Amino acid sequence: QVQLVESGGGSVQAGGSLRLSCVASGYNYRFNCMGWFRQAPGKEREGVASIYPGRGATNYADSVKGRFTISEDNAKHTMYLQMNTLKPEDTAMYYCAASGGFHCPTGNLANKVYNYWGQGTQVTVSS
């Protein structure tokens, strides 16, 4: 059974940084696409960043470009999201996602691509 477990969320002031981690287990192959999503209260879930595992190709939402960095450590079965210069509008539940089927050579921020999801980690940014 595939499991994705996020950690690293918390409360920070605007301008601060956090690093989210997503540890994968129960999957014997490399995922074809991995990403981070977020959902704020009353809003739809949106893609934040994605990565093509093993190739390094990444894709970011315009709202986080230049501030967030997605990366992976295949040996540790872990994906990261480094978040710098955080803003109050970054406040949301952040989810890790992975695809066992769909490939994303240039990254992909569409929800429908991903068939495995974590439970989420809360990020709160105060002004």
C-alpha atoms as a PDB file:
ATOM      1  CA  GLN A   1       0.000   0.000   0.000  1.00  0.00           C
ATOM      2  CA  VAL A   2       1.451   3.333  -1.071  1.00  0.00           C
ATOM      3  CA  GLN A   3       1.761   5.938   1.641  1.00  0.00           C
ATOM      4  CA  LEU A   4       2.862   9.551   1.413  1.00  0.00           C
ATOM      5  CA  VAL A   5       3.548  11.283   4.704  1.00  0.00           C
ATOM      6  CA  GLU A   6       4.152  15.014   4.893  1.00  0.00           C
ATOM      7  CA  SER A   7       5.922  16.888   7.666  1.00  0.00           C
ATOM      8  CA  GLY A   8       7.533  20.244   8.307  1.00  0.00           C
ATOM      9  CA  GLY A   9       4.509  22.493   8.426  1.00  0.00           C
ATOM     10  CA  GLY A  10       4.045  25.078  11.138  1.00  0.00           C
ATOM     11  CA  SER A  11       3.439  28.713  11.944  1.00  0.00           C
ATOM     12  CA  VAL A  12       5.823  31.418  10.826  1.00  0.00           C
ATOM     13  CA  GLN A  13       5.813  35.150  10.349  1.00  0.00           C
ATOM     14  CA  ALA A  14       5.756  36.716   6.910  1.00  0.00           C
ATOM     15  CA  GLY A  15       9.189  36.630   5.364  1.00  0.00           C
ATOM     16  CA  GLY A  16      10.108  33.418   7.112  1.00  0.00           C
ATOM     17  CA  SER A  17      10.952  29.991   5.724  1.00  0.00           C
ATOM     18  CA  LEU A  18       9.812  26.413   6.094  1.00  0.00           C
ATOM     19  CA  ARG A  19      10.863  23.150   4.494  1.00  0.00           C
ATOM     20  CA  LEU A  20       8.237  20.514   3.888  1.00  0.00           C
ATOM     21  CA  SER A  21       9.132  16.855   3.481  1.00  0.00           C
ATOM     22  CA  CYS A  22       7.179  13.999   1.934  1.00  0.00           C
ATOM     23  CA  VAL A  23       8.298  10.447   2.618  1.00  0.00           C
ATOM     24  CA  ALA A  24       6.981   7.736   0.315  1.00  0.00           C
ATOM     25  CA  SER A  25       6.631   4.071   1.171  1.00  0.00           C
ATOM     26  CA  GLY A  26       5.002   0.980  -0.258  1.00  0.00           C
ATOM     27  CA  TYR A  27       6.002   1.710  -3.865  1.00  0.00           C
ATOM     28  CA  ASN A  28       8.780  -0.341  -5.407  1.00  0.00           C
ATOM     29  CA  TYR A  29       9.368   1.865  -8.440  1.00  0.00           C
ATOM     30  CA  ARG A  30      10.162   5.481  -9.086  1.00  0.00           C
ATOM     31  CA  PHE A  31       7.076   7.621  -9.355  1.00  0.00           C
ATOM     32  CA  ASN A  32       6.484   9.167 -12.779  1.00  0.00           C
ATOM     33  CA  CYS A  33       5.529  12.555 -11.405  1.00  0.00           C
ATOM     34  CA  MET A  34       5.469  14.158  -7.959  1.00  0.00           C
ATOM     35  CA  GLY A  35       4.105  17.417  -6.734  1.00  0.00           C
ATOM     36  CA  TRP A  36       3.002  19.687  -3.948  1.00  0.00           C
ATOM     37  CA  PHE A  37      -0.485  21.095  -3.737  1.00  0.00           C
ATOM     38  CA  ARG A  38      -2.217  23.371  -1.281  1.00  0.00           C
ATOM     39  CA  GLN A  39      -5.735  24.195  -0.234  1.00  0.00           C
ATOM     40  CA  ALA A  40      -6.789  27.231   1.741  1.00  0.00           C
ATOM     41  CA  PRO A  41     -10.168  27.392   3.516  1.00  0.00           C
ATOM     42  CA  GLY A  42     -12.950  28.053   1.029  1.00  0.00           C
ATOM     43  CA  LYS A  43     -10.683  27.630  -1.965  1.00  0.00           C
ATOM     44  CA  GLU A  44      -9.981  24.849  -4.423  1.00  0.00           C
ATOM     45  CA  ARG A  45      -6.838  22.791  -4.171  1.00  0.00           C
ATOM     46  CA  GLU A  46      -4.129  24.225  -6.387  1.00  0.00           C
ATOM     47  CA  GLY A  47      -0.832  22.937  -7.688  1.00  0.00           C
ATOM     48  CA  VAL A  48       2.218  24.629  -6.225  1.00  0.00           C
ATOM     49  CA  ALA A  49       5.210  22.764  -7.638  1.00  0.00           C
ATOM     50  CA  SER A  50       5.973  19.534  -9.435  1.00  0.00           C
ATOM     51  CA  ILE A  51       9.020  17.511 -10.363  1.00  0.00           C
ATOM     52  CA  TYR A  52       9.830  14.765 -12.861  1.00  0.00           C
ATOM     53  CA  PRO A  53      11.589  12.281 -10.583  1.00  0.00           C
ATOM     54  CA  GLY A  54      15.089  11.341 -11.575  1.00  0.00           C
ATOM     55  CA  ARG A  55      15.236  13.940 -14.345  1.00  0.00           C
ATOM     56  CA  GLY A  56      14.953  17.072 -12.251  1.00  0.00           C
ATOM     57  CA  ALA A  57      12.511  18.934 -14.489  1.00  0.00           C
ATOM     58  CA  THR A  58      10.344  21.207 -12.359  1.00  0.00           C
ATOM     59  CA  ASN A  59       7.294  23.379 -12.734  1.00  0.00           C
ATOM     60  CA  TYR A  60       5.941  26.064 -10.408  1.00  0.00           C
ATOM     61  CA  ALA A  61       2.797  28.067  -9.977  1.00  0.00           C
ATOM     62  CA  ASP A  62       3.371  31.730 -10.815  1.00  0.00           C
ATOM     63  CA  SER A  63       2.491  32.710  -7.256  1.00  0.00           C
ATOM     64  CA  VAL A  64       5.496  30.849  -5.814  1.00  0.00           C
ATOM     65  CA  LYS A  65       8.130  31.177  -8.525  1.00  0.00           C
ATOM     66  CA  GLY A  66      11.397  32.464  -7.135  1.00  0.00           C
ATOM     67  CA  ARG A  67      10.339  31.701  -3.556  1.00  0.00           C
ATOM     68  CA  PHE A  68       9.688  27.945  -3.453  1.00  0.00           C
ATOM     69  CA  THR A  69      11.985  25.135  -4.559  1.00  0.00           C
ATOM     70  CA  ILE A  70      10.959  21.520  -5.074  1.00  0.00           C
ATOM     71  CA  SER A  71      13.536  18.747  -4.884  1.00  0.00           C
ATOM     72  CA  GLU A  72      13.813  15.024  -4.293  1.00  0.00           C
ATOM     73  CA  ASP A  73      16.174  12.524  -2.740  1.00  0.00           C
ATOM     74  CA  ASN A  74      15.410   9.210  -4.393  1.00  0.00           C
ATOM     75  CA  ALA A  75      17.681   7.282  -2.031  1.00  0.00           C
ATOM     76  CA  LYS A  76      15.575   8.502   0.892  1.00  0.00           C
ATOM     77  CA  HIS A  77      12.267   8.193  -0.978  1.00  0.00           C
ATOM     78  CA  THR A  78      11.671  11.799   0.010  1.00  0.00           C
ATOM     79  CA  MET A  79      10.503  14.927  -1.747  1.00  0.00           C
ATOM     80  CA  TYR A  80      10.977  18.416  -0.358  1.00  0.00           C
ATOM     81  CA  LEU A  81       9.500  21.856  -0.733  1.00  0.00           C
ATOM     82  CA  GLN A  82      11.702  24.687   0.446  1.00  0.00           C
ATOM     83  CA  MET A  83       9.535  27.737   1.028  1.00  0.00           C
ATOM     84  CA  ASN A  84      11.217  31.107   1.460  1.00  0.00           C
ATOM     85  CA  THR A  85       9.877  34.628   1.821  1.00  0.00           C
ATOM     86  CA  LEU A  86       6.553  33.260   2.949  1.00  0.00           C
ATOM     87  CA  LYS A  87       3.472  35.444   2.675  1.00  0.00           C
ATOM     88  CA  PRO A  88       0.135  35.321   4.535  1.00  0.00           C
ATOM     89  CA  GLU A  89      -1.501  34.168   1.289  1.00  0.00           C
ATOM     90  CA  ASP A  90       0.653  31.032   1.415  1.00  0.00           C
ATOM     91  CA  THR A  91      -1.379  29.886   4.418  1.00  0.00           C
ATOM     92  CA  ALA A  92      -2.971  26.543   3.535  1.00  0.00           C
ATOM     93  CA  MET A  93      -2.906  22.817   4.026  1.00  0.00           C
ATOM     94  CA  TYR A  94      -0.089  21.465   1.885  1.00  0.00           C
ATOM     95  CA  TYR A  95      -0.362  18.049   0.267  1.00  0.00           C
ATOM     96  CA  CYS A  96       2.190  15.766  -1.300  1.00  0.00           C
ATOM     97  CA  ALA A  97       1.095  13.901  -4.424  1.00  0.00           C
ATOM     98  CA  ALA A  98       2.551  11.261  -6.697  1.00  0.00           C
ATOM     99  CA  SER A  99       1.682   9.593  -9.973  1.00  0.00           C
ATOM    100  CA  GLY A 100       2.324   5.951 -10.700  1.00  0.00           C
ATOM    101  CA  GLY A 101       1.144   6.235 -14.289  1.00  0.00           C
ATOM    102  CA  PHE A 102       1.231   9.672 -15.853  1.00  0.00           C
ATOM    103  CA  HIS A 103       4.681  10.994 -16.754  1.00  0.00           C
ATOM    104  CA  CYS A 104       5.452  14.681 -16.471  1.00  0.00           C
ATOM    105  CA  PRO A 105       8.635  15.526 -18.395  1.00  0.00           C
ATOM    106  CA  THR A 106       8.049  19.225 -17.781  1.00  0.00           C
ATOM    107  CA  GLY A 107       6.187  18.882 -14.508  1.00  0.00           C
ATOM    108  CA  ASN A 108       2.433  19.036 -14.097  1.00  0.00           C
ATOM    109  CA  LEU A 109       0.239  20.944 -11.662  1.00  0.00           C
ATOM    110  CA  ALA A 110      -3.097  19.366 -12.548  1.00  0.00           C
ATOM    111  CA  ASN A 111      -4.837  17.433  -9.786  1.00  0.00           C
ATOM    112  CA  LYS A 112      -6.019  14.714 -12.156  1.00  0.00           C
ATOM    113  CA  VAL A 113      -2.487  13.580 -12.928  1.00  0.00           C
ATOM    114  CA  TYR A 114      -1.900  12.266  -9.437  1.00  0.00           C
ATOM    115  CA  ASN A 115      -3.315   9.093  -7.957  1.00  0.00           C
ATOM    116  CA  TYR A 116      -1.541   9.040  -4.592  1.00  0.00           C
ATOM    117  CA  TRP A 117      -2.023  11.726  -1.952  1.00  0.00           C
ATOM    118  CA  GLY A 118      -0.764  12.426   1.538  1.00  0.00           C
ATOM    119  CA  GLN A 119      -2.851  13.636   4.466  1.00  0.00           C
ATOM    120  CA  GLY A 120      -1.413  17.130   4.450  1.00  0.00           C
ATOM    121  CA  THR A 121       0.583  19.427   6.693  1.00  0.00           C
ATOM    122  CA  GLN A 122      -0.640  22.854   7.770  1.00  0.00           C
ATOM    123  CA  VAL A 123       1.313  25.998   6.983  1.00  0.00           C
ATOM    124  CA  THR A 124       0.242  29.242   8.621  1.00  0.00           C
ATOM    125  CA  VAL A 125       1.912  32.542   7.826  1.00  0.00           C
ATOM    126  CA  SER A 126       1.097  35.559   9.956  1.00  0.00           C
ATOM    127  CA  SER A 127       1.598  39.176   8.947  1.00  0.00           C
END
